[in-house]
C-alpha cells in the first residue's frame, strides 16, 4: 500500500511552472488509470489543486510583468 501524502509537508513553490504542470498531469494520469488508492485520492486531488493555483498565480504575475514591459517600451 502507498504511504498517505502529507500535503502540509510538501512544498508547492519548489520547481518551476513546467515541473508543476508535469506533476499535475502525472497525478491526473494516475487517477484516470485507477492507480491511486482510494485512501490517497483526496490528498492527490488537493495536491493537484494547490499546484494549479500556484501555476495560475505564476501566469498572472508573468502577464503583469509583460504588460509593464510593453508599456515602458511605448
N, C-alpha and C. Protein backbone atom coordinates (compact mmCIF):
# COMPACT_ATOMS: atom_id res chain seq x y z
N UNK A 1 0.85 -1.17 0.00
CA UNK A 1 0.00 0.00 0.00
C UNK A 1 0.90 1.24 0.00
N UNK A 2 0.48 2.27 -0.72
CA UNK A 2 1.24 3.51 -0.79
C UNK A 2 1.09 4.29 0.51
N UNK A 3 2.14 5.02 0.90
CA UNK A 3 2.00 5.87 2.09
C UNK A 3 1.09 7.04 1.77
N UNK A 4 0.37 7.51 2.77
CA UNK A 4 -0.52 8.65 2.59
C UNK A 4 0.29 9.91 2.37
N UNK A 5 -0.17 10.76 1.49
CA UNK A 5 0.51 12.02 1.22
C UNK A 5 0.23 13.01 2.33
N UNK A 6 1.24 13.74 2.71
CA UNK A 6 1.08 14.79 3.71
C UNK A 6 1.24 16.12 2.98
N UNK A 7 0.12 16.73 2.64
CA UNK A 7 0.11 17.95 1.85
C UNK A 7 0.88 19.07 2.55
N UNK A 8 0.76 19.18 3.86
CA UNK A 8 1.41 20.26 4.58
C UNK A 8 2.93 20.19 4.47
N UNK A 9 3.49 19.01 4.36
CA UNK A 9 4.94 18.84 4.30
C UNK A 9 5.47 19.13 2.90
N UNK A 10 4.66 18.88 1.89
CA UNK A 10 5.10 19.03 0.51
C UNK A 10 5.11 20.51 0.11
N UNK A 11 6.21 20.97 -0.41
CA UNK A 11 6.35 22.37 -0.79
C UNK A 11 5.83 22.57 -2.20
N UNK A 12 4.87 23.47 -2.34
CA UNK A 12 4.30 23.75 -3.65
C UNK A 12 5.23 24.63 -4.47
N UNK A 13 5.91 25.55 -3.85
CA UNK A 13 6.69 26.55 -4.57
C UNK A 13 7.97 25.98 -5.18
N UNK A 14 8.34 24.76 -4.83
CA UNK A 14 9.57 24.20 -5.39
C UNK A 14 9.37 23.89 -6.88
N UNK A 15 10.42 24.03 -7.61
CA UNK A 15 10.34 23.74 -9.03
C UNK A 15 9.68 24.87 -9.80
N UNK A 16 9.79 24.79 -11.08
CA UNK A 16 9.21 25.82 -11.93
C UNK A 16 7.83 25.43 -12.41
N UNK A 17 7.29 26.32 -13.21
CA UNK A 17 5.95 26.15 -13.77
C UNK A 17 5.83 24.82 -14.51
N UNK A 18 6.78 24.54 -15.38
CA UNK A 18 6.72 23.31 -16.19
C UNK A 18 6.72 22.07 -15.30
N UNK A 19 7.56 22.07 -14.27
CA UNK A 19 7.64 20.92 -13.36
C UNK A 19 6.31 20.73 -12.63
N UNK A 20 5.69 21.83 -12.23
CA UNK A 20 4.42 21.74 -11.53
C UNK A 20 3.31 21.21 -12.45
N UNK A 21 3.28 21.67 -13.69
CA UNK A 21 2.29 21.18 -14.64
C UNK A 21 2.49 19.69 -14.90
N UNK A 22 3.75 19.29 -15.04
CA UNK A 22 4.04 17.86 -15.25
C UNK A 22 3.56 17.03 -14.06
N UNK A 23 3.71 17.55 -12.86
CA UNK A 23 3.25 16.82 -11.68
C UNK A 23 1.72 16.70 -11.67
N UNK A 24 1.03 17.78 -12.05
CA UNK A 24 -0.43 17.73 -12.14
C UNK A 24 -0.84 16.68 -13.17
N UNK A 25 -0.19 16.67 -14.32
CA UNK A 25 -0.50 15.70 -15.36
C UNK A 25 -0.27 14.27 -14.86
N UNK A 26 0.81 14.05 -14.12
CA UNK A 26 1.10 12.72 -13.57
C UNK A 26 0.03 12.29 -12.57
N UNK A 27 -0.40 13.23 -11.74
CA UNK A 27 -1.46 12.93 -10.76
C UNK A 27 -2.74 12.55 -11.50
N UNK A 28 -3.11 13.34 -12.49
CA UNK A 28 -4.34 13.06 -13.25
C UNK A 28 -4.27 11.71 -13.96
N UNK A 29 -3.11 11.41 -14.52
CA UNK A 29 -2.94 10.13 -15.21
C UNK A 29 -3.11 8.96 -14.24
N UNK A 30 -2.51 9.09 -13.04
CA UNK A 30 -2.66 8.03 -12.04
C UNK A 30 -4.12 7.85 -11.63
N UNK A 31 -4.84 8.95 -11.49
CA UNK A 31 -6.25 8.87 -11.09
C UNK A 31 -7.06 8.24 -12.21
N UNK A 32 -6.84 8.71 -13.45
CA UNK A 32 -7.58 8.19 -14.60
C UNK A 32 -7.33 6.71 -14.83
N UNK A 33 -6.10 6.25 -14.56
CA UNK A 33 -5.75 4.85 -14.77
C UNK A 33 -6.10 3.95 -13.58
N UNK A 34 -6.68 4.55 -12.55
CA UNK A 34 -7.06 3.78 -11.38
C UNK A 34 -5.88 3.35 -10.53
N UNK A 35 -4.75 4.05 -10.67
CA UNK A 35 -3.54 3.70 -9.92
C UNK A 35 -3.51 4.34 -8.54
N UNK A 36 -4.42 5.26 -8.27
CA UNK A 36 -4.45 5.94 -6.98
C UNK A 36 -5.35 5.20 -6.02
N UNK A 37 -4.79 4.84 -4.89
CA UNK A 37 -5.55 4.17 -3.85
C UNK A 37 -6.62 5.13 -3.32
N UNK A 38 -7.77 4.62 -3.02
CA UNK A 38 -8.88 5.46 -2.55
C UNK A 38 -8.50 6.24 -1.30
N UNK A 39 -7.61 5.68 -0.48
CA UNK A 39 -7.16 6.38 0.73
C UNK A 39 -6.32 7.61 0.40
N UNK A 40 -5.71 7.64 -0.78
CA UNK A 40 -4.85 8.75 -1.18
C UNK A 40 -5.53 9.70 -2.16
N UNK A 41 -6.71 9.37 -2.61
CA UNK A 41 -7.38 10.15 -3.66
C UNK A 41 -7.58 11.61 -3.27
N UNK A 42 -8.11 11.87 -2.10
CA UNK A 42 -8.37 13.25 -1.67
C UNK A 42 -7.06 14.04 -1.58
N UNK A 43 -6.01 13.42 -1.05
CA UNK A 43 -4.72 14.10 -0.93
C UNK A 43 -4.14 14.41 -2.31
N UNK A 44 -4.28 13.48 -3.23
CA UNK A 44 -3.78 13.69 -4.60
C UNK A 44 -4.53 14.84 -5.27
N UNK A 45 -5.83 14.87 -5.11
CA UNK A 45 -6.63 15.94 -5.71
C UNK A 45 -6.28 17.28 -5.07
N UNK A 46 -6.08 17.30 -3.77
CA UNK A 46 -5.72 18.53 -3.09
C UNK A 46 -4.35 19.02 -3.59
N UNK A 47 -3.40 18.12 -3.74
CA UNK A 47 -2.07 18.47 -4.24
C UNK A 47 -2.19 19.07 -5.65
N UNK A 48 -2.96 18.44 -6.52
CA UNK A 48 -3.13 18.96 -7.88
C UNK A 48 -3.77 20.35 -7.85
N UNK A 49 -4.75 20.54 -6.99
CA UNK A 49 -5.41 21.83 -6.87
C UNK A 49 -4.44 22.92 -6.41
N UNK A 50 -3.63 22.61 -5.42
CA UNK A 50 -2.64 23.57 -4.93
C UNK A 50 -1.62 23.91 -6.02
N UNK A 51 -1.18 22.90 -6.75
CA UNK A 51 -0.24 23.13 -7.84
C UNK A 51 -0.86 24.01 -8.93
N UNK A 52 -2.10 23.73 -9.28
CA UNK A 52 -2.77 24.53 -10.31
C UNK A 52 -2.94 25.97 -9.86
N UNK A 53 -3.27 26.18 -8.61
CA UNK A 53 -3.40 27.54 -8.08
C UNK A 53 -2.07 28.29 -8.15
N UNK A 54 -0.99 27.62 -7.82
CA UNK A 54 0.33 28.24 -7.90
C UNK A 54 0.67 28.57 -9.36
N UNK A 55 0.33 27.69 -10.27
CA UNK A 55 0.58 27.94 -11.70
C UNK A 55 -0.23 29.14 -12.18
N UNK A 56 -1.47 29.25 -11.76
CA UNK A 56 -2.30 30.41 -12.13
C UNK A 56 -1.68 31.70 -11.62
N UNK A 57 -1.17 31.68 -10.40
CA UNK A 57 -0.53 32.87 -9.83
C UNK A 57 0.71 33.25 -10.63
N UNK A 58 1.51 32.24 -11.02
CA UNK A 58 2.70 32.50 -11.82
C UNK A 58 2.33 33.11 -13.17
N UNK A 59 1.30 32.58 -13.80
CA UNK A 59 0.85 33.11 -15.08
C UNK A 59 0.39 34.56 -14.93
N UNK A 60 -0.35 34.84 -13.87
CA UNK A 60 -0.84 36.20 -13.63
C UNK A 60 0.33 37.16 -13.43
N UNK A 61 1.29 36.76 -12.58
CA UNK A 61 2.46 37.62 -12.33
C UNK A 61 3.26 37.86 -13.61
N UNK A 62 3.41 36.83 -14.40
CA UNK A 62 4.15 36.97 -15.66
C UNK A 62 3.42 37.90 -16.61
N UNK A 63 2.10 37.76 -16.69
CA UNK A 63 1.31 38.64 -17.54
C UNK A 63 1.47 40.10 -17.10
N UNK A 64 1.44 40.33 -15.79
CA UNK A 64 1.61 41.68 -15.27
C UNK A 64 2.99 42.25 -15.63
N UNK A 65 4.02 41.42 -15.51
CA UNK A 65 5.37 41.86 -15.85
C UNK A 65 5.49 42.20 -17.33
N UNK A 66 4.91 41.35 -18.18
CA UNK A 66 4.97 41.59 -19.62
C UNK A 66 4.24 42.88 -19.98
N UNK A 67 3.07 43.10 -19.39
CA UNK A 67 2.33 44.33 -19.64
C UNK A 67 3.14 45.55 -19.21
N UNK A 68 3.82 45.45 -18.08
CA UNK A 68 4.63 46.55 -17.58
C UNK A 68 5.77 46.84 -18.56
N UNK A 69 6.41 45.80 -19.05
CA UNK A 69 7.50 45.96 -20.02
C UNK A 69 6.98 46.59 -21.30
N UNK A 70 5.85 46.11 -21.78
CA UNK A 70 5.28 46.63 -23.02
C UNK A 70 4.92 48.11 -22.89
N UNK A 71 4.39 48.51 -21.75
CA UNK A 71 4.05 49.91 -21.52
C UNK A 71 5.28 50.79 -21.48
N UNK A 72 6.36 50.27 -20.90
CA UNK A 72 7.58 51.06 -20.81
C UNK A 72 8.27 51.22 -22.16
N UNK A 73 7.95 50.32 -23.09
CA UNK A 73 8.53 50.37 -24.43
C UNK A 73 7.80 51.37 -25.32
N UNK A 74 6.61 51.79 -24.95
CA UNK A 74 5.81 52.70 -25.77
C UNK A 74 6.33 54.10 -25.71
